[in-house]
């Protein structure tokens, strides 16, 4: 692997960094306080192509490689994880899943609109009684002529309240094994109305939109089915694999933001007549944060390099997601320690970084699930449940 970025990648990184510094970071604290969805930020991102990323140009995307996609995601995550969450769902969970499993008609109908930001997408897998055990979902889709009637609820859905398109998963065969009786569907809110009660009071990601999804006899034509009948669980796992990559890149952004803020504070804050950066144990924390951030970034790039070759990347992506998510939390914790009492206040951004970093260890597969995926990859043996 060549660790030098190409000129195009460097240009994309600079474009993303400049945009993040100018348009995203300045209002992050206010959006967090107000729990306000960053609609105006998305509107500015769309003309730059940031909502299309690795989607081919024929469908309205930028057609960039996966390392470039990670660079954009990292810079957005460095400025505001709430915006990064919206971006990850839009691209990794919705667009790339339609790109991989959609019919030509579905791709042409939805991908250009998603890439332009005309449509916001959400991904409905988690339910009140099924998270990690995704195959235990209870939402049902019953065939009725050429349509499906969907009933059920989804939980913790990012972009759910602002979405016009929902990619959801429902059980279509109650008699089939749990992972075989699930099918994926695309729901256009205009034609298949679904409810989205908001979820407030979150620890972090307060300016991202989070809601439930409610389906009450929602009639969906079979033409809106994504993939083959019974293929839904495999589609969901493929989508999560894409999602983990962008979560990992965003976590690197959080770690970098923590390091940047800590270096700035430690070189200015004076104690005992000198900057606290001159104290050995503060330097130790800054050094640890640097190592954590650099290591996480390289693991993301390695996963991206594998993806760029078109090879299976589940193992590499899970390693990157596991390490980057944990590293971001450790960096955020050290950043608060370096800031002292100020780190406990939103006068400085590190308390938001800490709150936002925490969810990376939960969604798109918990830290524990990543360890099971990695363990299965290196042993060829599934861990025994219970």
Protein backbone atom coordinates (compact mmCIF):
# COMPACT_ATOMS: atom_id res chain seq x y z
CA UNK A 1 0.00 0.00 0.00
CA UNK A 2 1.26 3.47 -0.91
CA UNK A 3 0.83 5.77 2.09
CA UNK A 4 1.17 8.89 -0.05
CA UNK A 5 -2.12 10.40 -1.11
CA UNK A 6 -2.57 11.08 -4.80
CA UNK A 7 -2.85 14.71 -5.97
CA UNK A 8 -6.59 14.18 -6.45
CA UNK A 9 -6.96 12.80 -2.92
CA UNK A 10 -4.99 15.71 -1.48
CA UNK A 11 -7.24 18.12 -3.36
CA UNK A 12 -10.39 16.42 -2.06
CA UNK A 13 -9.00 16.44 1.47
CA UNK A 14 -8.25 20.17 1.26
CA UNK A 15 -11.68 20.91 -0.19
CA UNK A 16 -13.35 18.99 2.61
CA UNK A 17 -11.17 20.54 5.31
CA UNK A 18 -11.76 24.08 4.09
CA UNK A 19 -15.50 23.49 3.90
CA UNK A 20 -15.61 21.89 7.35
CA UNK A 21 -13.65 24.75 8.93
CA UNK A 22 -15.69 27.44 7.18
CA UNK A 23 -19.22 26.06 7.11
CA UNK A 24 -19.58 23.25 9.66
CA UNK A 25 -17.44 23.89 12.72
CA UNK A 26 -18.48 27.50 13.53
CA UNK A 27 -22.12 26.63 14.24
CA UNK A 28 -21.62 23.19 15.77
CA UNK A 29 -22.06 24.27 19.39
CA UNK A 30 -25.26 26.20 18.69
CA UNK A 31 -26.76 23.37 16.65
CA UNK A 32 -25.89 20.96 19.47
CA UNK A 33 -27.48 23.20 22.10
CA UNK A 34 -30.61 23.72 20.02
CA UNK A 35 -30.76 20.10 18.79
CA UNK A 36 -31.21 21.57 15.32
CA UNK A 37 -30.83 19.45 12.19
CA UNK A 38 -28.10 20.86 9.90
CA UNK A 39 -30.28 21.25 6.80
CA UNK A 40 -28.45 24.40 5.69
CA UNK A 41 -25.11 22.55 5.85
CA UNK A 42 -26.38 19.72 3.64
CA UNK A 43 -27.66 22.25 1.11
CA UNK A 44 -24.15 23.66 0.83
CA UNK A 45 -22.50 20.24 0.69
CA UNK A 46 -24.59 18.97 -2.21
CA UNK A 47 -23.17 21.25 -4.95
CA UNK A 48 -19.65 20.15 -3.97
CA UNK A 49 -20.60 16.52 -4.52
CA UNK A 50 -20.13 15.56 -0.87
CA UNK A 51 -23.53 13.85 -0.71
CA UNK A 52 -22.57 11.54 -3.58
CA UNK A 53 -19.04 10.48 -2.68
CA UNK A 54 -18.23 7.06 -4.14
CA UNK A 55 -21.46 6.80 -6.16
CA UNK A 56 -20.58 6.68 -9.89
CA UNK A 57 -20.97 9.89 -11.86
CA UNK A 58 -23.64 8.31 -14.09
CA UNK A 59 -25.91 8.29 -11.03
CA UNK A 60 -25.02 11.78 -9.86
CA UNK A 61 -22.13 10.97 -7.53
CA UNK A 62 -18.50 12.06 -7.50
CA UNK A 63 -17.20 8.63 -8.44
CA UNK A 64 -14.34 8.95 -5.96
CA UNK A 65 -12.37 6.06 -4.46
CA UNK A 66 -12.91 4.85 -0.91
CA UNK A 67 -9.87 6.51 0.61
CA UNK A 68 -11.12 9.84 -0.77
CA UNK A 69 -14.53 9.01 0.72
CA UNK A 70 -12.82 8.44 4.09
CA UNK A 71 -10.96 11.74 3.82
CA UNK A 72 -14.20 13.68 3.34
CA UNK A 73 -15.90 11.77 6.13
CA UNK A 74 -12.99 12.36 8.51
CA UNK A 75 -12.96 16.10 7.91
CA UNK A 76 -16.72 16.37 8.37
CA UNK A 77 -16.47 14.27 11.54
CA UNK A 78 -13.68 16.45 12.83
CA UNK A 79 -15.97 19.47 12.62
CA UNK A 80 -19.29 17.95 13.74
CA UNK A 81 -20.19 14.30 14.25
CA UNK A 82 -23.89 15.08 13.86
CA UNK A 83 -23.33 16.21 10.28
CA UNK A 84 -21.09 13.21 9.70
CA UNK A 85 -23.84 10.87 10.92
CA UNK A 86 -26.30 12.33 8.43
CA UNK A 87 -23.71 11.96 5.67
CA UNK A 88 -22.88 8.36 6.61
CA UNK A 89 -26.50 7.27 6.53
CA UNK A 90 -27.17 9.06 3.26
CA UNK A 91 -24.18 7.58 1.44
CA UNK A 92 -23.04 4.38 3.12
CA UNK A 93 -26.33 2.89 4.28
CA UNK A 94 -28.74 4.14 1.62
CA UNK A 95 -26.98 5.16 -1.61
CA UNK A 96 -24.35 2.41 -1.71
CA UNK A 97 -26.95 -0.22 -0.82
CA UNK A 98 -29.24 0.89 -3.66
CA UNK A 99 -26.20 0.99 -5.94
CA UNK A 100 -25.29 -2.60 -5.10
CA UNK A 101 -28.72 -4.22 -4.92
CA UNK A 102 -31.13 -1.95 -6.77
CA UNK A 103 -32.61 -2.50 -10.22
CA UNK A 104 -31.52 -0.10 -12.99
CA UNK A 105 -34.85 1.67 -12.60
CA UNK A 106 -34.45 2.03 -8.83
CA UNK A 107 -30.93 3.37 -9.21
CA UNK A 108 -31.97 5.94 -11.78
CA UNK A 109 -35.02 6.96 -9.79
CA UNK A 110 -33.29 7.52 -6.45
CA UNK A 111 -29.52 7.87 -6.62
CA UNK A 112 -29.33 11.21 -8.49
CA UNK A 113 -31.89 12.75 -6.14
CA UNK A 114 -30.07 11.44 -3.08
CA UNK A 115 -26.72 12.71 -4.36
CA UNK A 116 -28.19 16.16 -5.01
CA UNK A 117 -29.72 16.28 -1.55
CA UNK A 118 -33.23 16.57 -2.95
CA UNK A 119 -34.09 13.44 -0.98
CA UNK A 120 -32.78 12.47 2.46
CA UNK A 121 -32.66 8.75 3.13
CA UNK A 122 -32.83 6.68 6.29
CA UNK A 123 -32.05 3.05 7.12
CA UNK A 124 -34.63 1.12 9.12
CA UNK A 125 -33.24 -2.08 10.64
CA UNK A 126 -33.13 -1.68 14.44
CA UNK A 127 -36.37 -2.25 16.36
CA UNK A 128 -37.41 -1.75 19.99
CA UNK A 129 -36.75 -5.44 20.70
CA UNK A 130 -33.97 -6.16 18.18
CA UNK A 131 -30.68 -4.37 17.80
CA UNK A 132 -27.59 -6.54 17.71
CA UNK A 133 -29.81 -9.55 17.00
CA UNK A 134 -31.07 -7.99 13.78
CA UNK A 135 -32.54 -11.25 12.49
CA UNK A 136 -35.09 -11.15 15.33
CA UNK A 137 -36.91 -8.17 13.81
CA UNK A 138 -40.70 -8.25 14.05
CA UNK A 139 -41.82 -5.84 11.34
CA UNK A 140 -43.87 -7.79 8.80
CA UNK A 141 -44.61 -7.47 5.11
CA UNK A 142 -47.60 -9.51 3.90
CA UNK A 143 -48.18 -10.01 0.18
CA UNK A 144 -51.45 -8.62 -1.16
CA UNK A 145 -51.69 -9.00 -4.91
CA UNK A 146 -48.86 -7.00 -6.45
CA UNK A 147 -48.30 -5.09 -3.21
CA UNK A 148 -46.94 -5.68 0.27
CA UNK A 149 -48.65 -4.52 3.46
CA UNK A 150 -46.06 -3.48 6.04
CA UNK A 151 -46.66 -3.20 9.78
CA UNK A 152 -44.17 -2.61 12.56
CA UNK A 153 -41.84 -0.15 14.29
CA UNK A 154 -38.20 0.79 13.95
CA UNK A 155 -36.07 2.46 16.60
CA UNK A 156 -33.02 4.78 16.76
CA UNK A 157 -33.30 5.74 13.09
CA UNK A 158 -30.89 8.50 12.05
CA UNK A 159 -32.48 10.87 9.50
CA UNK A 160 -35.84 9.20 10.16
CA UNK A 161 -37.81 12.37 10.83
CA UNK A 162 -36.41 14.32 7.85
CA UNK A 163 -36.31 11.45 5.38
CA UNK A 164 -38.28 11.20 2.17
CA UNK A 165 -36.97 7.69 1.46
CA UNK A 166 -36.71 4.82 3.91
CA UNK A 167 -34.77 1.63 3.25
CA UNK A 168 -36.42 -0.81 5.63
CA UNK A 169 -36.36 -4.50 6.43
CA UNK A 170 -39.38 -6.67 7.14
CA UNK A 171 -40.17 -10.32 7.69
CA UNK A 172 -41.87 -11.76 4.61
CA UNK A 173 -41.74 -15.44 5.58
CA UNK A 174 -42.54 -16.33 9.17
CA UNK A 175 -41.71 -20.02 8.61
CA UNK A 176 -38.23 -19.50 7.16
CA UNK A 177 -35.09 -19.46 9.34
CA UNK A 178 -34.65 -16.04 10.94
CA UNK A 179 -31.99 -14.79 8.53
CA UNK A 180 -33.77 -16.19 5.45
CA UNK A 181 -37.25 -14.75 5.86
CA UNK A 182 -36.37 -11.05 5.68
CA UNK A 183 -36.76 -8.77 2.65
CA UNK A 184 -35.68 -5.17 1.99
CA UNK A 185 -38.03 -2.46 0.73
CA UNK A 186 -37.76 1.16 -0.38
CA UNK A 187 -40.52 3.39 0.95
CA UNK A 188 -41.18 6.77 -0.62
CA UNK A 189 -42.75 8.90 2.06
CA UNK A 190 -44.81 10.73 -0.54
CA UNK A 191 -46.51 7.53 -1.69
CA UNK A 192 -46.01 5.21 1.30
CA UNK A 193 -46.51 7.50 4.32
CA UNK A 194 -44.78 6.35 7.50
CA UNK A 195 -44.71 7.93 10.92
CA UNK A 196 -41.52 9.15 12.59
CA UNK A 197 -41.97 10.13 16.25
CA UNK A 198 -38.84 12.06 17.26
CA UNK A 199 -36.37 10.84 19.86
CA UNK A 200 -34.94 13.57 22.10
CA UNK A 201 -32.66 13.61 25.12
CA UNK A 202 -29.71 11.88 23.46
CA UNK A 203 -26.29 11.95 25.10
CA UNK A 204 -24.63 13.03 21.88
CA UNK A 205 -25.27 13.69 18.19
CA UNK A 206 -27.89 16.14 19.37
CA UNK A 207 -28.21 18.00 16.09
CA UNK A 208 -28.63 14.86 14.02
CA UNK A 209 -32.21 13.74 13.49
CA UNK A 210 -33.19 10.55 15.33
CA UNK A 211 -36.65 9.03 15.39
CA UNK A 212 -38.73 5.92 15.41
CA UNK A 213 -40.39 4.72 12.22
CA UNK A 214 -43.98 3.55 12.41
CA UNK A 215 -45.67 1.47 9.71
CA UNK A 216 -49.42 0.92 9.94
CA UNK A 217 -50.78 -0.99 6.96
CA UNK A 218 -48.36 0.78 4.62
CA UNK A 219 -48.97 -0.49 1.10
CA UNK A 220 -45.79 -0.88 -0.95
CA UNK A 221 -45.71 -2.09 -4.57
CA UNK A 222 -43.45 -5.03 -5.30
CA UNK A 223 -41.47 -2.75 -7.63
CA UNK A 224 -40.16 -1.06 -4.46
CA UNK A 225 -38.71 -4.30 -3.15
CA UNK A 226 -34.91 -4.04 -3.00
CA UNK A 227 -33.11 -7.21 -3.99
CA UNK A 228 -34.55 -10.69 -4.03
CA UNK A 229 -37.22 -12.08 -1.75
CA UNK A 230 -35.56 -13.32 1.44
CA UNK A 231 -32.29 -11.50 0.68
CA UNK A 232 -32.93 -8.76 3.20
CA UNK A 233 -30.62 -9.94 5.97
CA UNK A 234 -27.68 -10.26 3.57
CA UNK A 235 -28.46 -6.79 2.20
CA UNK A 236 -28.56 -5.37 5.73
CA UNK A 237 -25.19 -6.92 6.61
CA UNK A 238 -23.62 -5.55 3.42
CA UNK A 239 -25.00 -2.10 4.22
CA UNK A 240 -23.63 -2.22 7.75
CA UNK A 241 -20.24 -3.17 6.36
CA UNK A 242 -20.31 0.06 4.33
CA UNK A 243 -21.61 2.00 7.30
CA UNK A 244 -18.82 0.77 9.58
CA UNK A 245 -16.26 2.19 7.20
CA UNK A 246 -17.69 5.70 7.35
CA UNK A 247 -18.19 5.46 11.12
CA UNK A 248 -14.52 4.54 11.46
CA UNK A 249 -13.44 7.47 9.29
CA UNK A 250 -15.66 9.82 11.26
CA UNK A 251 -14.20 8.52 14.53
CA UNK A 252 -10.74 9.38 13.24
CA UNK A 253 -12.06 12.91 12.70
CA UNK A 254 -13.22 13.09 16.32
CA UNK A 255 -9.82 11.88 17.54
CA UNK A 256 -8.06 14.49 15.40
CA UNK A 257 -10.37 17.21 16.69
CA UNK A 258 -9.56 16.21 20.27
CA UNK A 259 -5.84 16.31 19.54
CA UNK A 260 -6.05 19.69 17.78
CA UNK A 261 -8.06 21.25 20.61
CA UNK A 262 -5.74 19.82 23.24
CA UNK A 263 -2.55 21.03 21.58
CA UNK A 264 -4.05 24.50 21.20
CA UNK A 265 -5.16 24.64 24.83
CA UNK A 266 -2.01 23.08 26.29
CA UNK A 267 0.30 25.51 24.52
CA UNK A 268 -1.66 28.53 25.79
CA UNK A 269 -2.80 27.54 29.27
CA UNK A 270 -0.23 28.53 31.93
CA UNK A 271 0.39 26.81 35.27
CA UNK A 272 3.38 27.14 37.56
CA UNK A 273 4.73 29.81 35.26
CA UNK A 274 4.80 27.78 32.03
CA UNK A 275 2.42 26.31 29.45
CA UNK A 276 0.90 23.05 30.61
CA UNK A 277 2.30 21.51 27.41
CA UNK A 278 5.69 21.73 29.15
CA UNK A 279 4.57 19.28 31.82
CA UNK A 280 5.67 15.72 31.13
CA UNK A 281 2.38 14.00 31.88
CA UNK A 282 0.48 16.39 29.61
CA UNK A 283 2.94 15.62 26.84
CA UNK A 284 2.38 11.93 27.52
CA UNK A 285 -1.36 12.35 26.90
CA UNK A 286 -0.73 14.37 23.74
CA UNK A 287 1.66 11.69 22.50
CA UNK A 288 -0.86 8.94 23.26
CA UNK A 289 -3.57 10.84 21.40
CA UNK A 290 -1.28 11.28 18.40
CA UNK A 291 -0.49 7.56 18.24
CA UNK A 292 -4.16 6.62 18.63
CA UNK A 293 -5.24 8.99 15.87
CA UNK A 294 -2.51 8.02 13.41
CA UNK A 295 -3.05 4.29 13.98
CA UNK A 296 -6.81 4.59 13.51
CA UNK A 297 -6.38 6.61 10.33
CA UNK A 298 -4.02 4.05 8.80
CA UNK A 299 -6.42 1.21 9.61
CA UNK A 300 -9.19 3.11 7.83
CA UNK A 301 -6.95 3.70 4.83
CA UNK A 302 -6.02 0.03 4.73
CA UNK A 303 -9.69 -0.95 4.66
CA UNK A 304 -10.23 1.64 1.93
CA UNK A 305 -7.38 0.21 -0.12
CA UNK A 306 -8.97 -3.24 0.05
CA UNK A 307 -12.35 -1.79 -0.96
CA UNK A 308 -10.71 0.03 -3.87
CA UNK A 309 -9.52 -3.35 -5.18
CA UNK A 310 -13.06 -4.69 -5.07
CA UNK A 311 -12.05 -7.38 -2.58
CA UNK A 312 -14.02 -8.54 0.49
CA UNK A 313 -13.20 -6.10 3.27
CA UNK A 314 -15.37 -7.13 6.22
CA UNK A 315 -12.38 -8.09 8.37
CA UNK A 316 -10.40 -4.94 7.62
CA UNK A 317 -13.45 -2.72 8.05
CA UNK A 318 -14.35 -4.27 11.41
CA UNK A 319 -10.77 -3.84 12.64
CA UNK A 320 -10.82 -0.18 11.59
CA UNK A 321 -14.23 0.45 13.12
CA UNK A 322 -13.33 -1.26 16.39
CA UNK A 323 -10.04 0.55 16.85
CA UNK A 324 -11.13 3.98 15.61
CA UNK A 325 -14.30 4.01 17.74
CA UNK A 326 -12.40 3.07 20.90
CA UNK A 327 -9.51 5.42 20.07
CA UNK A 328 -11.86 8.37 19.60
CA UNK A 329 -13.34 7.78 23.04
CA UNK A 330 -9.92 7.52 24.65
CA UNK A 331 -8.77 10.71 22.91
CA UNK A 332 -11.90 12.55 23.98
CA UNK A 333 -11.37 11.46 27.57
CA UNK A 334 -7.76 12.66 27.55
CA UNK A 335 -8.82 15.92 25.91
CA UNK A 336 -11.19 16.66 28.78
CA UNK A 337 -8.44 15.78 31.25
CA UNK A 338 -6.05 18.22 29.58
CA UNK A 339 -8.67 20.98 29.57
CA UNK A 340 -9.44 20.38 33.24
CA UNK A 341 -12.59 22.12 34.48
CA UNK A 342 -13.03 23.91 31.17
CA UNK A 343 -13.31 20.53 29.48
CA UNK A 344 -16.46 19.88 31.50
CA UNK A 345 -18.17 22.90 29.95
CA UNK A 346 -19.35 23.53 26.40
CA UNK A 347 -17.26 26.70 26.41
CA UNK A 348 -14.76 24.34 24.76
CA UNK A 349 -15.75 21.67 22.23
CA UNK A 350 -14.11 18.66 23.87
CA UNK A 351 -17.13 17.79 26.01
CA UNK A 352 -19.20 17.54 22.81
CA UNK A 353 -16.51 15.39 21.23
CA UNK A 354 -16.71 13.05 24.23
CA UNK A 355 -20.50 12.80 24.03
CA UNK A 356 -20.52 12.35 20.27
CA UNK A 357 -17.71 9.76 20.32
CA UNK A 358 -19.60 7.44 22.64
CA UNK A 359 -22.15 6.23 20.11
CA UNK A 360 -19.47 5.06 17.67
CA UNK A 361 -18.94 2.09 19.98
CA UNK A 362 -22.62 1.14 19.63
CA UNK A 363 -24.06 1.64 16.17
CA UNK A 364 -23.23 -0.26 13.00
CA UNK A 365 -22.32 -3.11 15.35
CA UNK A 366 -21.07 -2.69 18.91
CA UNK A 367 -17.42 -3.06 19.87
CA UNK A 368 -18.23 -6.56 21.09
CA UNK A 369 -19.80 -7.53 17.75
CA UNK A 370 -16.73 -6.25 15.90
CA UNK A 371 -14.59 -8.55 18.05
CA UNK A 372 -16.81 -11.49 17.16
CA UNK A 373 -16.58 -10.64 13.44
CA UNK A 374 -12.80 -10.41 13.67
CA UNK A 375 -12.60 -13.61 15.70
CA UNK A 376 -14.70 -15.48 13.16
CA UNK A 377 -12.52 -14.14 10.34
CA UNK A 378 -9.28 -15.40 11.89
CA UNK A 379 -10.60 -18.76 13.16
CA UNK A 380 -13.34 -19.66 10.72
CA UNK A 381 -15.52 -20.52 13.72
CA UNK A 382 -18.69 -18.76 14.86
CA UNK A 383 -18.68 -17.89 18.55
CA UNK A 384 -21.30 -19.77 20.56
CA UNK A 385 -24.08 -17.49 21.77
CA UNK A 386 -24.99 -17.30 25.41
